[in-house]
PDB file of N, CA and C in Angstrom:
ATOM      1  N   MET A   1      35.838  38.528 -67.705  1.00  0.00           N
ATOM      2  CA  MET A   1      36.274  37.170 -67.959  1.00  0.00           C
ATOM      3  C   MET A   1      35.877  36.297 -66.767  1.00  0.00           C
ATOM      4  N   PRO A   2      35.221  35.174 -66.989  1.00  0.00           N
ATOM      5  CA  PRO A   2      34.800  34.321 -65.878  1.00  0.00           C
ATOM      6  C   PRO A   2      35.967  33.608 -65.209  1.00  0.00           C
ATOM      7  N   GLY A   3      35.783  33.338 -63.932  1.00  0.00           N
ATOM      8  CA  GLY A   3      36.790  32.612 -63.175  1.00  0.00           C
ATOM      9  C   GLY A   3      36.196  32.102 -61.881  1.00  0.00           C
ATOM     10  N   THR A   4      36.951  31.310 -61.144  1.00  0.00           N
ATOM     11  CA  THR A   4      36.475  30.805 -59.860  1.00  0.00           C
ATOM     12  C   THR A   4      36.751  31.833 -58.770  1.00  0.00           C
ATOM     13  N   ILE A   5      35.877  31.851 -57.756  1.00  0.00           N
ATOM     14  CA  ILE A   5      35.996  32.820 -56.669  1.00  0.00           C
ATOM     15  C   ILE A   5      37.094  32.387 -55.709  1.00  0.00           C
ATOM     16  N   VAL A   6      37.949  33.344 -55.342  1.00  0.00           N
ATOM     17  CA  VAL A   6      39.078  33.087 -54.442  1.00  0.00           C
ATOM     18  C   VAL A   6      38.598  33.193 -52.995  1.00  0.00           C
ATOM     19  N   HIS A   7      39.031  32.254 -52.164  1.00  0.00           N
ATOM     20  CA  HIS A   7      38.636  32.213 -50.757  1.00  0.00           C
ATOM     21  C   HIS A   7      39.878  32.185 -49.869  1.00  0.00           C
ATOM     22  N   LEU A   8      39.655  32.216 -48.562  1.00  0.00           N
ATOM     23  CA  LEU A   8      40.760  32.277 -47.601  1.00  0.00           C
ATOM     24  C   LEU A   8      41.763  31.142 -47.767  1.00  0.00           C
ATOM     25  N   GLY A   9      41.309  29.950 -48.104  1.00  0.00           N
ATOM     26  CA  GLY A   9      42.202  28.807 -48.238  1.00  0.00           C
ATOM     27  C   GLY A   9      42.877  28.658 -49.586  1.00  0.00           C
ATOM     28  N   ALA A  10      42.662  29.602 -50.493  1.00  0.00           N
ATOM     29  CA  ALA A  10      43.279  29.531 -51.823  1.00  0.00           C
ATOM     30  C   ALA A  10      44.791  29.704 -51.718  1.00  0.00           C
ATOM     31  N   THR A  11      45.499  29.110 -52.655  1.00  0.00           N
ATOM     32  CA  THR A  11      46.951  29.284 -52.721  1.00  0.00           C
ATOM     33  C   THR A  11      47.244  30.424 -53.679  1.00  0.00           C
ATOM     34  N   VAL A  12      47.774  31.519 -53.126  1.00  0.00           N
ATOM     35  CA  VAL A  12      48.112  32.706 -53.911  1.00  0.00           C
ATOM     36  C   VAL A  12      49.582  33.018 -53.650  1.00  0.00           C
ATOM     37  N   ILE A  13      50.330  33.254 -54.733  1.00  0.00           N
ATOM     38  CA  ILE A  13      51.755  33.568 -54.596  1.00  0.00           C
ATOM     39  C   ILE A  13      52.083  34.819 -55.410  1.00  0.00           C
ATOM     40  N   CYS A  14      53.204  35.436 -55.073  1.00  0.00           N
ATOM     41  CA  CYS A  14      53.720  36.489 -55.944  1.00  0.00           C
ATOM     42  C   CYS A  14      54.447  35.801 -57.098  1.00  0.00           C
ATOM     43  N   THR A  15      54.842  36.545 -58.088  1.00  0.00           N
ATOM     44  CA  THR A  15      55.507  35.979 -59.259  1.00  0.00           C
ATOM     45  C   THR A  15      56.789  35.233 -58.891  1.00  0.00           C
ATOM     46  N   HIS A  16      57.380  35.556 -57.752  1.00  0.00           N
ATOM     47  CA  HIS A  16      58.663  34.974 -57.354  1.00  0.00           C
ATOM     48  C   HIS A  16      58.517  33.856 -56.329  1.00  0.00           C
ATOM     49  N   GLY A  17      57.289  33.421 -56.074  1.00  0.00           N
ATOM     50  CA  GLY A  17      57.058  32.285 -55.188  1.00  0.00           C
ATOM     51  C   GLY A  17      56.740  32.608 -53.749  1.00  0.00           C
ATOM     52  N   GLY A  18      56.645  33.879 -53.389  1.00  0.00           N
ATOM     53  CA  GLY A  18      56.290  34.247 -52.024  1.00  0.00           C
ATOM     54  C   GLY A  18      54.828  33.953 -51.743  1.00  0.00           C
ATOM     55  N   GLN A  19      54.525  33.492 -50.540  1.00  0.00           N
ATOM     56  CA  GLN A  19      53.156  33.153 -50.149  1.00  0.00           C
ATOM     57  C   GLN A  19      52.371  34.424 -49.834  1.00  0.00           C
ATOM     58  N   ALA A  20      51.225  34.605 -50.507  1.00  0.00           N
ATOM     59  CA  ALA A  20      50.377  35.777 -50.304  1.00  0.00           C
ATOM     60  C   ALA A  20      49.153  35.384 -49.486  1.00  0.00           C
ATOM     61  N   THR A  21      48.863  36.169 -48.445  1.00  0.00           N
ATOM     62  CA  THR A  21      47.758  35.894 -47.536  1.00  0.00           C
ATOM     63  C   THR A  21      46.897  37.136 -47.386  1.00  0.00           C
ATOM     64  N   PRO A  22      45.564  37.000 -47.485  1.00  0.00           N
ATOM     65  CA  PRO A  22      44.707  38.185 -47.348  1.00  0.00           C
ATOM     66  C   PRO A  22      44.727  38.729 -45.928  1.00  0.00           C
ATOM     67  N   THR A  23      44.647  40.050 -45.804  1.00  0.00           N
ATOM     68  CA  THR A  23      44.601  40.677 -44.485  1.00  0.00           C
ATOM     69  C   THR A  23      43.179  40.759 -43.949  1.00  0.00           C
ATOM     70  N   LEU A  24      42.191  40.578 -44.831  1.00  0.00           N
ATOM     71  CA  LEU A  24      40.791  40.674 -44.440  1.00  0.00           C
ATOM     72  C   LEU A  24      39.965  39.833 -45.415  1.00  0.00           C
ATOM     73  N   VAL A  25      38.971  39.146 -44.890  1.00  0.00           N
ATOM     74  CA  VAL A  25      38.045  38.370 -45.722  1.00  0.00           C
ATOM     75  C   VAL A  25      36.618  38.796 -45.395  1.00  0.00           C
ATOM     76  N   SER A  26      35.695  38.421 -46.243  1.00  0.00           N
ATOM     77  CA  SER A  26      34.292  38.746 -46.015  1.00  0.00           C
ATOM     78  C   SER A  26      33.764  37.960 -44.817  1.00  0.00           C
ATOM     79  N   PRO A  27      33.129  38.632 -43.859  1.00  0.00           N
ATOM     80  CA  PRO A  27      32.589  37.910 -42.708  1.00  0.00           C
ATOM     81  C   PRO A  27      31.234  37.246 -42.994  1.00  0.00           C
ATOM     82  N   PHE A  28      30.673  37.502 -44.181  1.00  0.00           N
ATOM     83  CA  PHE A  28      29.318  37.034 -44.476  1.00  0.00           C
ATOM     84  C   PHE A  28      29.197  36.076 -45.652  1.00  0.00           C
ATOM     85  N   VAL A  29      30.155  36.077 -46.569  1.00  0.00           N
ATOM     86  CA  VAL A  29      30.036  35.276 -47.791  1.00  0.00           C
ATOM     87  C   VAL A  29      31.098  34.180 -47.784  1.00  0.00           C
ATOM     88  N   PHE A  30      30.623  32.937 -47.979  1.00  0.00           N
ATOM     89  CA  PHE A  30      31.516  31.782 -47.940  1.00  0.00           C
ATOM     90  C   PHE A  30      31.334  30.915 -49.184  1.00  0.00           C
ATOM     91  N   VAL A  31      32.422  30.316 -49.654  1.00  0.00           N
ATOM     92  CA  VAL A  31      32.375  29.287 -50.689  1.00  0.00           C
ATOM     93  C   VAL A  31      33.202  28.114 -50.182  1.00  0.00           C
ATOM     94  N   ASN A  32      32.687  26.936 -50.397  1.00  0.00           N
ATOM     95  CA  ASN A  32      33.375  25.723 -49.953  1.00  0.00           C
ATOM     96  C   ASN A  32      33.732  25.798 -48.464  1.00  0.00           C
ATOM     97  N   GLY A  33      32.894  26.495 -47.673  1.00  0.00           N
ATOM     98  CA  GLY A  33      33.101  26.598 -46.235  1.00  0.00           C
ATOM     99  C   GLY A  33      34.126  27.622 -45.792  1.00  0.00           C
ATOM    100  N   GLN A  34      34.665  28.410 -46.721  1.00  0.00           N
ATOM    101  CA  GLN A  34      35.666  29.405 -46.362  1.00  0.00           C
ATOM    102  C   GLN A  34      35.262  30.788 -46.860  1.00  0.00           C
ATOM    103  N   ALA A  35      35.633  31.802 -46.105  1.00  0.00           N
ATOM    104  CA  ALA A  35      35.290  33.175 -46.451  1.00  0.00           C
ATOM    105  C   ALA A  35      35.953  33.592 -47.760  1.00  0.00           C
ATOM    106  N   VAL A  36      35.218  34.386 -48.560  1.00  0.00           N
ATOM    107  CA  VAL A  36      35.767  34.876 -49.826  1.00  0.00           C
ATOM    108  C   VAL A  36      36.589  36.135 -49.591  1.00  0.00           C
ATOM    109  N   THR A  37      37.439  36.442 -50.560  1.00  0.00           N
ATOM    110  CA  THR A  37      38.240  37.660 -50.487  1.00  0.00           C
ATOM    111  C   THR A  37      37.680  38.681 -51.475  1.00  0.00           C
ATOM    112  N   THR A  38      37.842  39.952 -51.138  1.00  0.00           N
ATOM    113  CA  THR A  38      37.405  41.034 -52.022  1.00  0.00           C
ATOM    114  C   THR A  38      38.622  41.846 -52.444  1.00  0.00           C
ATOM    115  N   ILE A  39      38.444  42.656 -53.481  1.00  0.00           N
ATOM    116  CA  ILE A  39      39.600  43.392 -54.012  1.00  0.00           C
ATOM    117  C   ILE A  39      40.075  44.515 -53.097  1.00  0.00           C
ATOM    118  N   THR A  40      39.309  44.874 -52.076  1.00  0.00           N
ATOM    119  CA  THR A  40      39.723  45.977 -51.202  1.00  0.00           C
ATOM    120  C   THR A  40      40.774  45.580 -50.183  1.00  0.00           C
ATOM    121  N   ALA A  41      40.858  44.313 -49.844  1.00  0.00           N
ATOM    122  CA  ALA A  41      41.805  43.866 -48.818  1.00  0.00           C
ATOM    123  C   ALA A  41      43.177  43.585 -49.411  1.00  0.00           C
ATOM    124  N   PRO A  42      44.226  44.233 -48.902  1.00  0.00           N
ATOM    125  CA  PRO A  42      45.568  43.908 -49.385  1.00  0.00           C
ATOM    126  C   PRO A  42      46.013  42.521 -48.910  1.00  0.00           C
ATOM    127  N   TYR A  43      46.950  41.959 -49.613  1.00  0.00           N
ATOM    128  CA  TYR A  43      47.559  40.687 -49.236  1.00  0.00           C
ATOM    129  C   TYR A  43      48.955  40.962 -48.690  1.00  0.00           C
ATOM    130  N   MET A  44      49.355  40.240 -47.657  1.00  0.00           N
ATOM    131  CA  MET A  44      50.721  40.289 -47.138  1.00  0.00           C
ATOM    132  C   MET A  44      51.498  39.159 -47.817  1.00  0.00           C
ATOM    133  N   ILE A  45      52.740  39.435 -48.180  1.00  0.00           N
ATOM    134  CA  ILE A  45      53.546  38.443 -48.896  1.00  0.00           C
ATOM    135  C   ILE A  45      54.778  38.097 -48.075  1.00  0.00           C
ATOM    136  N   ALA A  46      54.996  36.813 -47.873  1.00  0.00           N
ATOM    137  CA  ALA A  46      56.145  36.326 -47.115  1.00  0.00           C
ATOM    138  C   ALA A  46      56.945  35.362 -47.984  1.00  0.00           C
ATOM    139  N   GLY A  47      58.255  35.448 -47.907  1.00  0.00           N
ATOM    140  CA  GLY A  47      59.116  34.506 -48.599  1.00  0.00           C
ATOM    141  C   GLY A  47      59.390  34.807 -50.057  1.00  0.00           C
ATOM    142  N   CYS A  48      59.196  36.052 -50.485  1.00  0.00           N
ATOM    143  CA  CYS A  48      59.501  36.416 -51.875  1.00  0.00           C
ATOM    144  C   CYS A  48      61.004  36.323 -52.116  1.00  0.00           C
ATOM    145  N   LEU A  49      61.376  35.736 -53.233  1.00  0.00           N
ATOM    146  CA  LEU A  49      62.792  35.522 -53.546  1.00  0.00           C
ATOM    147  C   LEU A  49      63.323  36.455 -54.622  1.00  0.00           C
ATOM    148  N   PHE A  50      62.631  37.549 -54.901  1.00  0.00           N
ATOM    149  CA  PHE A  50      63.028  38.455 -55.975  1.00  0.00           C
ATOM    150  C   PHE A  50      64.338  39.164 -55.641  1.00  0.00           C
ATOM    151  N   THR A  51      65.371  38.926 -56.457  1.00  0.00           N
ATOM    152  CA  THR A  51      66.670  39.573 -56.256  1.00  0.00           C
ATOM    153  C   THR A  51      67.239  40.019 -57.598  1.00  0.00           C
ATOM    154  N   PRO A  52      66.785  41.168 -58.110  1.00  0.00           N
ATOM    155  CA  PRO A  52      67.328  41.653 -59.384  1.00  0.00           C
ATOM    156  C   PRO A  52      68.715  42.263 -59.186  1.00  0.00           C
ATOM    157  N   GLY A  53      69.712  41.673 -59.792  1.00  0.00           N
ATOM    158  CA  GLY A  53      71.074  42.188 -59.646  1.00  0.00           C
ATOM    159  C   GLY A  53      71.541  42.076 -58.211  1.00  0.00           C
ATOM    160  N   SER A  54      72.116  43.141 -57.691  1.00  0.00           N
ATOM    161  CA  SER A  54      72.629  43.111 -56.320  1.00  0.00           C
ATOM    162  C   SER A  54      71.631  43.671 -55.316  1.00  0.00           C
ATOM    163  N   ALA A  55      70.590  44.333 -55.787  1.00  0.00           N
ATOM    164  CA  ALA A  55      69.599  44.920 -54.883  1.00  0.00           C
ATOM    165  C   ALA A  55      68.469  43.927 -54.632  1.00  0.00           C
ATOM    166  N   VAL A  56      68.153  43.713 -53.381  1.00  0.00           N
ATOM    167  CA  VAL A  56      67.055  42.823 -53.029  1.00  0.00           C
ATOM    168  C   VAL A  56      65.789  43.664 -52.866  1.00  0.00           C
ATOM    169  N   VAL A  57      64.800  43.403 -53.707  1.00  0.00           N
ATOM    170  CA  VAL A  57      63.544  44.150 -53.661  1.00  0.00           C
ATOM    171  C   VAL A  57      62.393  43.142 -53.637  1.00  0.00           C
ATOM    172  N   PRO A  58      62.205  42.445 -52.533  1.00  0.00           N
ATOM    173  CA  PRO A  58      61.152  41.426 -52.496  1.00  0.00           C
ATOM    174  C   PRO A  58      59.755  42.045 -52.443  1.00  0.00           C
ATOM    175  N   CYS A  59      58.781  41.276 -52.875  1.00  0.00           N
ATOM    176  CA  CYS A  59      57.378  41.687 -52.754  1.00  0.00           C
ATOM    177  C   CYS A  59      57.017  41.704 -51.269  1.00  0.00           C
ATOM    178  N   VAL A  60      56.305  42.728 -50.844  1.00  0.00           N
ATOM    179  CA  VAL A  60      55.897  42.862 -49.448  1.00  0.00           C
ATOM    180  C   VAL A  60      54.381  42.777 -49.314  1.00  0.00           C
ATOM    181  N   THR A  61      53.673  43.481 -50.191  1.00  0.00           N
ATOM    182  CA  THR A  61      52.209  43.438 -50.194  1.00  0.00           C
ATOM    183  C   THR A  61      51.718  43.279 -51.626  1.00  0.00           C
ATOM    184  N   GLY A  62      50.491  42.827 -51.750  1.00  0.00           N
ATOM    185  CA  GLY A  62      49.848  42.719 -53.048  1.00  0.00           C
ATOM    186  C   GLY A  62      48.448  43.290 -52.965  1.00  0.00           C
ATOM    187  N   GLN A  63      47.989  43.872 -54.062  1.00  0.00           N
ATOM    188  CA  GLN A  63      46.647  44.444 -54.102  1.00  0.00           C
ATOM    189  C   GLN A  63      45.954  44.017 -55.384  1.00  0.00           C
ATOM    190  N   TRP A  64      44.720  43.541 -55.263  1.00  0.00           N
ATOM    191  CA  TRP A  64      43.930  43.185 -56.438  1.00  0.00           C
ATOM    192  C   TRP A  64      43.398  44.457 -57.057  1.00  0.00           C
ATOM    193  N   LEU A  65      43.454  44.559 -58.367  1.00  0.00           N
ATOM    194  CA  LEU A  65      43.003  45.751 -59.078  1.00  0.00           C
ATOM    195  C   LEU A  65      41.630  45.567 -59.699  1.00  0.00           C
ATOM    196  N   VAL A  66      41.353  44.379 -60.201  1.00  0.00           N
ATOM    197  CA  VAL A  66      40.084  44.095 -60.865  1.00  0.00           C
ATOM    198  C   VAL A  66      39.540  42.782 -60.325  1.00  0.00           C
ATOM    199  N   GLY A  67      38.265  42.789 -59.964  1.00  0.00           N
ATOM    200  CA  GLY A  67      37.603  41.584 -59.478  1.00  0.00           C
ATOM    201  C   GLY A  67      36.380  41.292 -60.320  1.00  0.00           C
ATOM    202  N   SER A  68      35.431  40.611 -59.724  1.00  0.00           N
ATOM    203  CA  SER A  68      34.194  40.270 -60.423  1.00  0.00           C
ATOM    204  C   SER A  68      33.396  41.524 -60.748  1.00  0.00           C
ATOM    205  N   ALA A  69      32.808  41.538 -61.939  1.00  0.00           N
ATOM    206  CA  ALA A  69      31.967  42.666 -62.337  1.00  0.00           C
ATOM    207  C   ALA A  69      30.552  42.525 -61.796  1.00  0.00           C
ATOM    208  N   PHE A  70      30.156  41.323 -61.389  1.00  0.00           N
ATOM    209  CA  PHE A  70      28.771  41.082 -61.019  1.00  0.00           C
ATOM    210  C   PHE A  70      28.560  40.538 -59.610  1.00  0.00           C
ATOM    211  N   VAL A  71      29.566  39.908 -59.017  1.00  0.00           N
ATOM    212  CA  VAL A  71      29.392  39.289 -57.704  1.00  0.00           C
ATOM    213  C   VAL A  71      30.122  40.116 -56.654  1.00  0.00           C
ATOM    214  N   LEU A  72      29.355  40.535 -55.636  1.00  0.00           N
ATOM    215  CA  LEU A  72      29.897  41.373 -54.567  1.00  0.00           C
ATOM    216  C   LEU A  72      29.773  40.662 -53.228  1.00  0.00           C
ATOM    217  N   ALA A  73      30.680  40.972 -52.321  1.00  0.00           N
ATOM    218  CA  ALA A  73      30.597  40.532 -50.929  1.00  0.00           C
ATOM    219  C   ALA A  73      30.811  41.773 -50.084  1.00  0.00           C
ATOM    220  N   SER A  74      29.883  42.070 -49.214  1.00  0.00           N
ATOM    221  CA  SER A  74      29.920  43.285 -48.400  1.00  0.00           C
ATOM    222  C   SER A  74      30.076  44.524 -49.277  1.00  0.00           C
ATOM    223  N   GLY A  75      29.452  44.503 -50.459  1.00  0.00           N
ATOM    224  CA  GLY A  75      29.474  45.646 -51.364  1.00  0.00           C
ATOM    225  C   GLY A  75      30.729  45.798 -52.196  1.00  0.00           C
ATOM    226  N   GLN A  76      31.650  44.849 -52.113  1.00  0.00           N
ATOM    227  CA  GLN A  76      32.915  44.922 -52.849  1.00  0.00           C
ATOM    228  C   GLN A  76      33.036  43.748 -53.812  1.00  0.00           C
ATOM    229  N   PRO A  77      33.674  43.954 -54.977  1.00  0.00           N
ATOM    230  CA  PRO A  77      33.860  42.842 -55.923  1.00  0.00           C
ATOM    231  C   PRO A  77      34.706  41.722 -55.320  1.00  0.00           C
ATOM    232  N   VAL A  78      34.285  40.483 -55.530  1.00  0.00           N
ATOM    233  CA  VAL A  78      35.085  39.351 -55.060  1.00  0.00           C
ATOM    234  C   VAL A  78      36.266  39.143 -56.005  1.00  0.00           C
ATOM    235  N   VAL A  79      37.322  38.531 -55.462  1.00  0.00           N
ATOM    236  CA  VAL A  79      38.513  38.215 -56.254  1.00  0.00           C
ATOM    237  C   VAL A  79      38.251  36.924 -57.016  1.00  0.00           C
ATOM    238  N   LEU A  80      38.644  36.902 -58.281  1.00  0.00           N
ATOM    239  CA  LEU A  80      38.544  35.703 -59.114  1.00  0.00           C
ATOM    240  C   LEU A  80      39.954  35.181 -59.396  1.00  0.00           C
ATOM    241  N   ASN A  81      40.056  33.922 -59.768  1.00  0.00           N
ATOM    242  CA  ASN A  81      41.386  33.373 -60.067  1.00  0.00           C
ATOM    243  C   ASN A  81      42.020  34.023 -61.297  1.00  0.00           C
ATOM    244  N   VAL A  82      41.250  34.791 -62.062  1.00  0.00           N
ATOM    245  CA  VAL A  82      41.776  35.495 -63.237  1.00  0.00           C
ATOM    246  C   VAL A  82      41.898  37.002 -62.999  1.00  0.00           C
ATOM    247  N   SER A  83      41.684  37.445 -61.756  1.00  0.00           N
ATOM    248  CA  SER A  83      41.771  38.875 -61.437  1.00  0.00           C
ATOM    249  C   SER A  83      43.194  39.394 -61.602  1.00  0.00           C
ATOM    250  N   THR A  84      43.311  40.686 -61.904  1.00  0.00           N
ATOM    251  CA  THR A  84      44.630  41.314 -62.037  1.00  0.00           C
ATOM    252  C   THR A  84      45.038  41.943 -60.714  1.00  0.00           C
ATOM    253  N   SER A  85      46.352  41.982 -60.484  1.00  0.00           N
ATOM    254  CA  SER A  85      46.886  42.492 -59.225  1.00  0.00           C
ATOM    255  C   SER A  85      48.254  43.117 -59.438  1.00  0.00           C
ATOM    256  N   ILE A  86      48.755  43.740 -58.378  1.00  0.00           N
ATOM    257  CA  ILE A  86      50.095  44.320 -58.408  1.00  0.00           C
ATOM    258  C   ILE A  86      50.714  44.175 -57.017  1.00  0.00           C
ATOM    259  N   CYS A  87      52.000  43.858 -56.994  1.00  0.00           N
ATOM    260  CA  CYS A  87      52.738  43.753 -55.741  1.00  0.00           C
ATOM    261  C   CYS A  87      53.591  45.003 -55.550  1.00  0.00           C
ATOM    262  N   THR A  88      53.795  45.381 -54.312  1.00  0.00           N
ATOM    263  CA  THR A  88      54.702  46.483 -54.008  1.00  0.00           C
ATOM    264  C   THR A  88      55.878  45.922 -53.241  1.00  0.00           C
ATOM    265  N   PRO A  89      57.051  46.452 -53.454  1.00  0.00           N
ATOM    266  CA  PRO A  89      57.370  47.673 -54.185  1.00  0.00           C
ATOM    267  C   PRO A  89      57.762  47.480 -55.643  1.00  0.00           C
ATOM    268  N   ASN A  90      57.747  46.261 -56.186  1.00  0.00           N
ATOM    269  CA  ASN A  90      58.339  46.058 -57.514  1.00  0.00           C
ATOM    270  C   ASN A  90      57.361  45.981 -58.687  1.00  0.00           C
ATOM    271  N   GLY A  91      56.051  45.979 -58.454  1.00  0.00           N
ATOM    272  CA  GLY A  91      55.085  46.059 -59.544  1.00  0.00           C
ATOM    273  C   GLY A  91      54.759  44.780 -60.278  1.00  0.00           C
ATOM    274  N   THR A  92      55.168  43.630 -59.756  1.00  0.00           N
ATOM    275  CA  THR A  92      54.848  42.363 -60.400  1.00  0.00           C
ATOM    276  C   THR A  92      53.486  41.864 -59.907  1.00  0.00           C
ATOM    277  N   PRO A  93      52.850  40.921 -60.605  1.00  0.00           N
ATOM    278  CA  PRO A  93      51.513  40.471 -60.193  1.00  0.00           C
ATOM    279  C   PRO A  93      51.550  39.306 -59.203  1.00  0.00           C
ATOM    280  N   MET A  94      50.386  39.058 -58.593  1.00  0.00           N
ATOM    281  CA  MET A  94      50.176  37.846 -57.809  1.00  0.00           C
ATOM    282  C   MET A  94      49.494  36.824 -58.717  1.00  0.00           C
ATOM    283  N   ASN A  95      49.643  35.554 -58.396  1.00  0.00           N
ATOM    284  CA  ASN A  95      49.035  34.473 -59.174  1.00  0.00           C
ATOM    285  C   ASN A  95      48.250  33.561 -58.246  1.00  0.00           C
ATOM    286  N   VAL A  96      47.036  33.201 -58.650  1.00  0.00           N
ATOM    287  CA  VAL A  96      46.230  32.238 -57.900  1.00  0.00           C
ATOM    288  C   VAL A  96      46.550  30.861 -58.456  1.00  0.00           C
ATOM    289  N   LEU A  97      47.116  29.989 -57.627  1.00  0.00           N
ATOM    290  CA  LEU A  97      47.469  28.643 -58.077  1.00  0.00           C
ATOM    291  C   LEU A  97      46.348  27.642 -57.823  1.00  0.00           C
ATOM    292  N   VAL A  98      45.743  27.694 -56.643  1.00  0.00           N
ATOM    293  CA  VAL A  98      44.706  26.734 -56.285  1.00  0.00           C
ATOM    294  C   VAL A  98      43.578  27.469 -55.587  1.00  0.00           C
ATOM    295  N   THR A  99      42.353  27.195 -55.994  1.00  0.00           N
ATOM    296  CA  THR A  99      41.167  27.717 -55.325  1.00  0.00           C
ATOM    297  C   THR A  99      40.057  26.689 -55.462  1.00  0.00           C
ATOM    298  N   GLN A 100      38.944  26.961 -54.835  1.00  0.00           N
ATOM    299  CA  GLN A 100      37.819  26.034 -54.907  1.00  0.00           C
ATOM    300  C   GLN A 100      37.294  25.977 -56.349  1.00  0.00           C
ATOM    301  N   PRO A 101      36.890  24.815 -56.827  1.00  0.00           N
ATOM    302  CA  PRO A 101      36.444  24.691 -58.233  1.00  0.00           C
ATOM    303  C   PRO A 101      34.941  24.781 -58.453  1.00  0.00           C
ATOM    304  N   PHE A 102      34.170  25.025 -57.384  1.00  0.00           N
ATOM    305  CA  PHE A 102      32.713  24.885 -57.469  1.00  0.00           C
ATOM    306  C   PHE A 102      31.950  26.149 -57.821  1.00  0.00           C
ATOM    307  N   VAL A 103      32.427  27.314 -57.385  1.00  0.00           N
ATOM    308  CA  VAL A 103      31.674  28.554 -57.580  1.00  0.00           C
ATOM    309  C   VAL A 103      32.476  29.485 -58.484  1.00  0.00           C
ATOM    310  N   SER A 104      31.859  29.872 -59.614  1.00  0.00           N
ATOM    311  CA  SER A 104      32.527  30.767 -60.539  1.00  0.00           C
ATOM    312  C   SER A 104      31.690  32.026 -60.707  1.00  0.00           C
ATOM    313  N   ALA A 105      32.323  33.064 -61.261  1.00  0.00           N
ATOM    314  CA  ALA A 105      31.656  34.353 -61.469  1.00  0.00           C
ATOM    315  C   ALA A 105      32.307  35.058 -62.648  1.00  0.00           C
ATOM    316  N   SER A 106      31.700  36.157 -63.044  1.00  0.00           N
ATOM    317  CA  SER A 106      32.268  36.994 -64.115  1.00  0.00           C
ATOM    318  C   SER A 106      32.520  38.369 -63.569  1.00  0.00           C
TER     319      SER A 106
END
């Protein structure tokens, strides 16, 4: 499925509103002047508000599971705004809210 390529300055959150930030970006591939992210780098999540019942189980990290089928950076698939992901420890996804609108991939 086509989508726009996610970069360092993209707004990515967990399902509960926590801010997700990549731990590593491509040192060689840039879109809109910012490094792109690949599916191999985990995201750190801060400010997750997930509180099911009395147990607090906030999202701590997120990992992209599926990226671009055709566009690679440093040999790894780039993350698209439609890529699938999972957060730990609770298994909910991350969502890309804002990214650059100029470069898309499949």
